[in-house]
Amino acid sequence: MTALHNSPYQFEPLPPSDARQKALLSKAGDLVRAATALAGQRVPPELHVLLRSMNSYYTNRIEGQHTRPHEIEQALRKDFSANQELAAKQRLAVAHIEAEAALEQRYSGKAAVATLL
């Protein structure tokens, strides 16, 4: 039988030891520098497609409309499930992807950035 957690200390994060912390902070600094170098670079169009599907997957999962990645890919090919409940979730996933693509199109370029400021 698994013991239940009933003390606050059992829920607190366990920080690394001082000996490990220096190496981890160094790696964190490397990550920040690498992320900064990527800032402002355009995302390749091929990656946009994958990110839209991933965003749809996680958003719909959080909202209780779970579809698996292969089911989303089938729906993008208009190959919907015979199960009506799953087909409805697939259509929702496709609608999410299409909405994200439309927003990317609407808010791309320097003119769109000016509307956000």
Protein backbone atom coordinates (compact mmCIF):
# COMPACT_ATOMS: atom_id res chain seq x y z
CA MET A 1 0.00 0.00 0.00
CA THR A 2 1.30 3.46 -0.92
CA ALA A 3 1.50 5.99 1.90
CA LEU A 4 -0.48 9.18 1.42
CA HIS A 5 1.26 12.53 1.45
CA ASN A 6 -0.04 14.50 4.39
CA SER A 7 2.71 16.99 5.25
CA PRO A 8 3.52 20.16 3.30
CA TYR A 9 7.22 19.28 3.00
CA GLN A 10 6.24 16.24 0.91
CA PHE A 11 4.92 18.55 -1.82
CA GLU A 12 7.82 20.99 -1.94
CA PRO A 13 10.39 20.76 -4.74
CA LEU A 14 13.71 19.22 -3.83
CA PRO A 15 16.46 21.60 -4.93
CA PRO A 16 19.74 20.18 -6.19
CA SER A 17 22.74 20.04 -3.91
CA ASP A 18 25.20 22.94 -4.00
CA ALA A 19 27.70 20.74 -5.83
CA ARG A 20 25.19 20.05 -8.65
CA GLN A 21 23.68 23.51 -8.72
CA LYS A 22 26.72 25.22 -10.30
CA ALA A 23 26.69 22.85 -13.30
CA LEU A 24 22.93 23.25 -13.69
CA LEU A 25 23.15 27.05 -13.58
CA SER A 26 25.84 26.90 -16.25
CA LYS A 27 23.60 24.77 -18.47
CA ALA A 28 20.70 27.14 -17.82
CA GLY A 29 22.89 30.03 -18.93
CA ASP A 30 23.80 28.15 -22.11
CA LEU A 31 20.12 27.56 -22.79
CA VAL A 32 19.30 31.25 -22.32
CA ARG A 33 22.09 32.25 -24.73
CA ALA A 34 20.92 29.72 -27.34
CA ALA A 35 17.31 30.88 -27.01
CA THR A 36 18.39 34.50 -27.37
CA ALA A 37 20.30 33.62 -30.54
CA LEU A 38 17.11 32.11 -31.97
CA ALA A 39 14.95 35.11 -31.06
CA GLY A 40 13.75 36.99 -34.09
CA GLN A 41 14.50 34.17 -36.52
CA ARG A 42 11.65 33.02 -38.71
CA VAL A 43 10.14 29.63 -38.05
CA PRO A 44 10.32 27.42 -41.15
CA PRO A 45 6.88 26.83 -42.75
CA GLU A 46 7.26 23.07 -42.33
CA LEU A 47 7.60 23.57 -38.59
CA HIS A 48 4.47 25.76 -38.49
CA VAL A 49 2.43 22.83 -39.80
CA LEU A 50 3.75 20.51 -37.11
CA LEU A 51 3.28 23.10 -34.38
CA ARG A 52 -0.35 23.69 -35.36
CA SER A 53 -1.11 19.98 -35.03
CA MET A 54 0.73 19.83 -31.71
CA ASN A 55 -1.13 22.90 -30.43
CA SER A 56 -4.44 21.36 -31.48
CA TYR A 57 -3.57 18.09 -29.75
CA TYR A 58 -2.67 19.69 -26.43
CA THR A 59 -5.38 22.35 -26.42
CA ASN A 60 -8.13 19.88 -27.19
CA ARG A 61 -6.74 17.41 -24.66
CA ILE A 62 -6.79 20.06 -21.95
CA GLU A 63 -10.37 20.91 -22.89
CA GLY A 64 -11.45 17.26 -22.71
CA GLN A 65 -11.75 16.81 -26.49
CA HIS A 66 -8.88 14.35 -26.76
CA THR A 67 -7.79 13.06 -30.17
CA ARG A 68 -4.57 11.21 -30.83
CA PRO A 69 -1.99 12.63 -33.25
CA HIS A 70 -2.70 9.94 -35.88
CA GLU A 71 -6.43 10.76 -35.65
CA ILE A 72 -5.66 14.42 -36.26
CA GLU A 73 -3.52 13.51 -39.27
CA GLN A 74 -6.36 11.36 -40.65
CA ALA A 75 -8.79 14.23 -40.20
CA LEU A 76 -6.47 16.61 -42.04
CA ARG A 77 -6.72 14.18 -44.97
CA LYS A 78 -10.56 14.28 -44.61
CA ASP A 79 -10.50 10.67 -43.40
CA PHE A 80 -12.86 10.98 -40.43
CA SER A 81 -13.70 8.14 -38.06
CA ALA A 82 -16.93 6.17 -38.44
CA ASN A 83 -17.40 6.76 -34.71
CA GLN A 84 -19.45 9.99 -34.62
CA GLU A 85 -18.06 11.13 -31.27
CA LEU A 86 -14.47 10.74 -32.45
CA ALA A 87 -15.29 12.31 -35.83
CA ALA A 88 -16.67 15.38 -34.01
CA LYS A 89 -13.41 15.65 -32.03
CA GLN A 90 -11.43 15.28 -35.26
CA ARG A 91 -13.43 18.11 -36.85
CA LEU A 92 -12.75 20.27 -33.80
CA ALA A 93 -9.03 19.55 -34.12
CA VAL A 94 -9.08 20.53 -37.81
CA ALA A 95 -11.04 23.71 -37.00
CA HIS A 96 -8.44 24.61 -34.37
CA ILE A 97 -5.60 24.10 -36.86
CA GLU A 98 -7.37 26.15 -39.55
CA ALA A 99 -8.10 28.96 -37.09
CA GLU A 100 -4.47 29.10 -36.02
CA ALA A 101 -3.32 29.20 -39.65
CA ALA A 102 -5.78 32.03 -40.38
CA LEU A 103 -4.51 34.02 -37.41
CA GLU A 104 -0.90 33.50 -38.49
CA GLN A 105 -1.80 34.77 -41.94
CA ARG A 106 -3.69 37.76 -40.56
CA TYR A 107 -0.97 38.76 -38.12
CA SER A 108 2.16 38.27 -40.21
CA GLY A 109 4.56 40.92 -41.41
CA LYS A 110 5.46 44.36 -40.14
CA ALA A 111 1.99 45.84 -40.69
CA ALA A 112 0.47 43.23 -38.38
CA VAL A 113 3.09 43.88 -35.70
CA ALA A 114 2.13 47.56 -35.75
CA THR A 115 -1.51 46.65 -34.97
CA LEU A 116 -0.37 44.77 -31.86
CA LEU A 117 1.59 47.69 -30.41
